[in-house]
Amino acid sequence: MTTITRFAPFRSPLNDMAVLQNRLNSIFTDFARPEGDSTELTAGNFVPPVDVYEDAQHLVLKFEVPGIKPEDLDIRVENRTLTVRGERKWNNEQKEENFHRVERRYGSFVRSFTLPNTVDTENIQAQSEHGVLELTLNKKPEAKPKQIQVKAVSAGSNGASAPKQMEGQTA
């Protein structure tokens, strides 16, 4: 019998260790919880994933924050540190006893990022669409790439004369 293994060429061994660590933590957490324990299943912080990328004009951060209303997000910049806080609240309409499994995380989160000096922290745009919070930070004008034009120089314009072509002589 052949085992099929998914090929992931860019997967890091450190990523595998992090997945293993998370699995072990959840096993021990579940094992340590006594049967019938009424601790809230919704407790615990979560960390929304974020994509960070940049182009010549902007630095962009995209957070996955489904179920979080824009008014429940707090975005601040202080001393070149961008901090995003938020909270995903538990829906009180259903009782915890009725759930068989709760895999989504609820509670508050805080993410902080040190911004480079090339970013203008005064003009940050934030928008939320379909559960994705997008923060766009403009780069300072001096940080934007400058294109330098190359001028073509003709042979006679620099003062040197062009090489003379000589005809061959027969002896």
Protein backbone atom coordinates (compact mmCIF):
# COMPACT_ATOMS: atom_id res chain seq x y z
CA MET A 1 0.00 0.00 0.00
CA THR A 2 1.34 3.43 -0.95
CA THR A 3 1.07 6.41 1.32
CA ILE A 4 0.29 9.70 -0.39
CA THR A 5 2.15 12.65 1.06
CA ARG A 6 1.37 16.22 0.16
CA PHE A 7 4.41 17.93 -1.35
CA ALA A 8 5.09 21.38 0.08
CA PRO A 9 8.37 22.64 -1.41
CA PHE A 10 8.59 25.82 0.67
CA ARG A 11 7.51 24.37 4.00
CA SER A 12 9.90 25.07 6.79
CA PRO A 13 10.85 22.46 9.39
CA LEU A 14 10.20 25.17 11.99
CA ASN A 15 6.63 25.41 10.74
CA ASP A 16 6.23 21.65 11.33
CA MET A 17 7.54 22.11 14.87
CA ALA A 18 5.05 24.92 15.53
CA VAL A 19 2.16 22.74 14.31
CA LEU A 20 3.35 19.87 16.51
CA GLN A 21 3.68 22.21 19.51
CA ASN A 22 0.12 23.51 19.00
CA ARG A 23 -1.25 19.97 18.78
CA LEU A 24 0.56 18.89 21.92
CA ASN A 25 -0.64 21.97 23.79
CA SER A 26 -4.26 21.27 22.83
CA ILE A 27 -3.93 17.60 23.87
CA PHE A 28 -2.57 18.51 27.30
CA THR A 29 -5.13 21.27 27.75
CA ASP A 30 -7.99 18.88 26.96
CA PHE A 31 -6.45 16.17 29.16
CA ALA A 32 -6.07 18.51 32.12
CA ARG A 33 -9.69 19.67 31.95
CA PRO A 34 -11.84 17.53 34.28
CA GLU A 35 -14.96 15.87 32.87
CA GLY A 36 -17.97 18.15 33.13
CA ASP A 37 -15.77 21.20 33.74
CA SER A 38 -17.84 24.29 33.15
CA THR A 39 -14.99 26.61 32.19
CA GLU A 40 -15.94 28.70 29.25
CA LEU A 41 -15.14 27.09 25.95
CA THR A 42 -14.96 30.52 24.40
CA ALA A 43 -12.21 31.81 26.66
CA GLY A 44 -8.74 32.33 25.36
CA ASN A 45 -7.09 34.81 23.12
CA PHE A 46 -6.58 34.31 19.45
CA VAL A 47 -4.13 35.83 17.02
CA PRO A 48 -5.59 36.79 13.66
CA PRO A 49 -3.25 35.99 10.78
CA VAL A 50 -1.81 38.93 8.89
CA ASP A 51 -0.21 39.39 5.47
CA VAL A 52 2.34 42.19 5.14
CA TYR A 53 3.57 43.33 1.76
CA GLU A 54 4.90 46.45 0.13
CA ASP A 55 5.31 48.04 -3.25
CA ALA A 56 7.08 51.20 -4.35
CA GLN A 57 4.36 53.47 -2.91
CA HIS A 58 2.80 51.65 0.10
CA LEU A 59 3.17 49.21 2.97
CA VAL A 60 0.00 47.11 3.36
CA LEU A 61 -1.15 44.89 6.24
CA LYS A 62 -4.16 42.58 5.80
CA PHE A 63 -5.66 40.99 8.91
CA GLU A 64 -8.21 38.16 8.91
CA VAL A 65 -10.84 39.36 11.38
CA PRO A 66 -14.14 37.69 10.42
CA GLY A 67 -16.96 38.36 12.83
CA ILE A 68 -15.37 41.50 14.27
CA LYS A 69 -17.20 44.75 13.69
CA PRO A 70 -15.10 47.76 12.63
CA GLU A 71 -16.17 49.60 15.80
CA ASP A 72 -14.67 46.75 17.88
CA LEU A 73 -11.20 47.40 16.38
CA ASP A 74 -8.70 49.85 17.88
CA ILE A 75 -5.79 50.90 15.65
CA ARG A 76 -3.06 53.16 17.03
CA VAL A 77 0.43 54.35 16.12
CA GLU A 78 2.82 55.42 18.86
CA ASN A 79 6.60 55.80 18.56
CA ARG A 80 6.74 53.95 15.23
CA THR A 81 4.74 51.02 16.67
CA LEU A 82 1.46 50.10 15.00
CA THR A 83 -0.91 48.33 17.41
CA VAL A 84 -4.16 46.66 16.37
CA ARG A 85 -6.56 45.53 19.10
CA GLY A 86 -9.88 43.86 18.73
CA GLU A 87 -12.35 41.47 20.21
CA ARG A 88 -14.48 38.70 18.76
CA LYS A 89 -17.44 38.39 21.07
CA TRP A 90 -19.28 35.18 21.92
CA ASN A 91 -22.85 35.08 20.67
CA ASN A 92 -24.97 34.67 23.81
CA GLU A 93 -28.00 33.35 21.91
CA GLN A 94 -26.83 29.73 22.19
CA LYS A 95 -25.90 28.01 25.42
CA GLU A 96 -22.46 26.47 25.70
CA GLU A 97 -23.97 23.18 26.86
CA ASN A 98 -25.62 22.74 23.44
CA PHE A 99 -22.31 22.77 21.57
CA HIS A 100 -20.49 19.57 20.71
CA ARG A 101 -17.38 21.37 19.54
CA VAL A 102 -16.13 24.96 19.50
CA GLU A 103 -13.11 25.47 17.24
CA ARG A 104 -13.32 29.17 16.51
CA ARG A 105 -11.54 31.41 18.98
CA TYR A 106 -13.24 34.21 20.81
CA GLY A 107 -11.90 36.94 23.01
CA SER A 108 -9.51 39.80 22.53
CA PHE A 109 -6.30 40.11 20.57
CA VAL A 110 -3.42 42.54 20.25
CA ARG A 111 -0.93 42.65 17.36
CA SER A 112 1.97 45.10 17.28
CA PHE A 113 4.38 45.93 14.47
CA THR A 114 7.46 48.15 14.44
CA LEU A 115 7.20 50.39 11.40
CA PRO A 116 10.21 51.32 9.28
CA ASN A 117 11.34 54.95 9.10
CA THR A 118 10.33 55.02 5.43
CA VAL A 119 6.60 54.96 6.29
CA ASP A 120 4.43 58.05 6.79
CA THR A 121 2.58 57.32 10.05
CA GLU A 122 0.36 60.40 9.73
CA ASN A 123 -1.75 59.13 6.84
CA ILE A 124 -2.93 55.57 7.43
CA GLN A 125 -6.03 54.29 5.67
CA ALA A 126 -8.03 51.45 7.25
CA GLN A 127 -10.89 49.59 5.61
CA SER A 128 -12.71 46.36 6.39
CA GLU A 129 -14.38 44.20 3.79
CA HIS A 130 -15.58 40.59 4.02
CA GLY A 131 -13.77 39.99 7.31
CA VAL A 132 -10.43 41.38 6.10
CA LEU A 133 -9.03 44.53 7.70
CA GLU A 134 -6.65 46.30 5.33
CA LEU A 135 -4.27 48.97 6.58
CA THR A 136 -2.46 51.00 3.92
CA LEU A 137 0.50 53.12 4.93
CA ASN A 138 2.04 55.49 2.40
CA LYS A 139 5.79 55.65 2.05
CA LYS A 140 7.54 58.97 2.57
CA PRO A 141 8.52 60.73 -0.69
CA GLU A 142 12.23 60.37 0.05
CA ALA A 143 11.78 56.59 0.46
CA LYS A 144 10.14 56.10 -2.90
CA PRO A 145 12.42 54.80 -5.62
CA LYS A 146 13.75 57.38 -8.04
CA GLN A 147 14.44 56.59 -11.63
CA ILE A 148 17.55 58.10 -13.13
CA GLN A 149 17.55 58.77 -16.84
CA VAL A 150 20.59 57.69 -18.79
CA LYS A 151 21.60 60.15 -21.49
CA ALA A 152 23.12 58.85 -24.69
CA VAL A 153 26.39 60.54 -25.53
CA SER A 154 27.44 60.72 -29.16
CA ALA A 155 31.07 60.16 -30.13
CA GLY A 156 31.71 63.78 -31.18
CA SER A 157 30.08 65.50 -28.22
CA ASN A 158 32.69 64.70 -25.56
CA GLY A 159 35.56 66.46 -27.32
CA ALA A 160 37.38 63.33 -28.41
CA SER A 161 37.62 62.67 -32.07
CA ALA A 162 36.30 59.49 -33.49
CA PRO A 163 38.92 56.93 -34.49
CA LYS A 164 40.04 57.28 -38.06
CA GLN A 165 39.70 54.38 -40.37
CA MET A 166 42.77 53.70 -42.43
CA GLU A 167 42.87 52.00 -45.76
CA GLY A 168 45.27 49.18 -46.19
CA GLN A 169 48.24 49.81 -48.52
CA THR A 170 49.86 47.23 -50.67
CA ALA A 171 53.61 47.14 -50.85
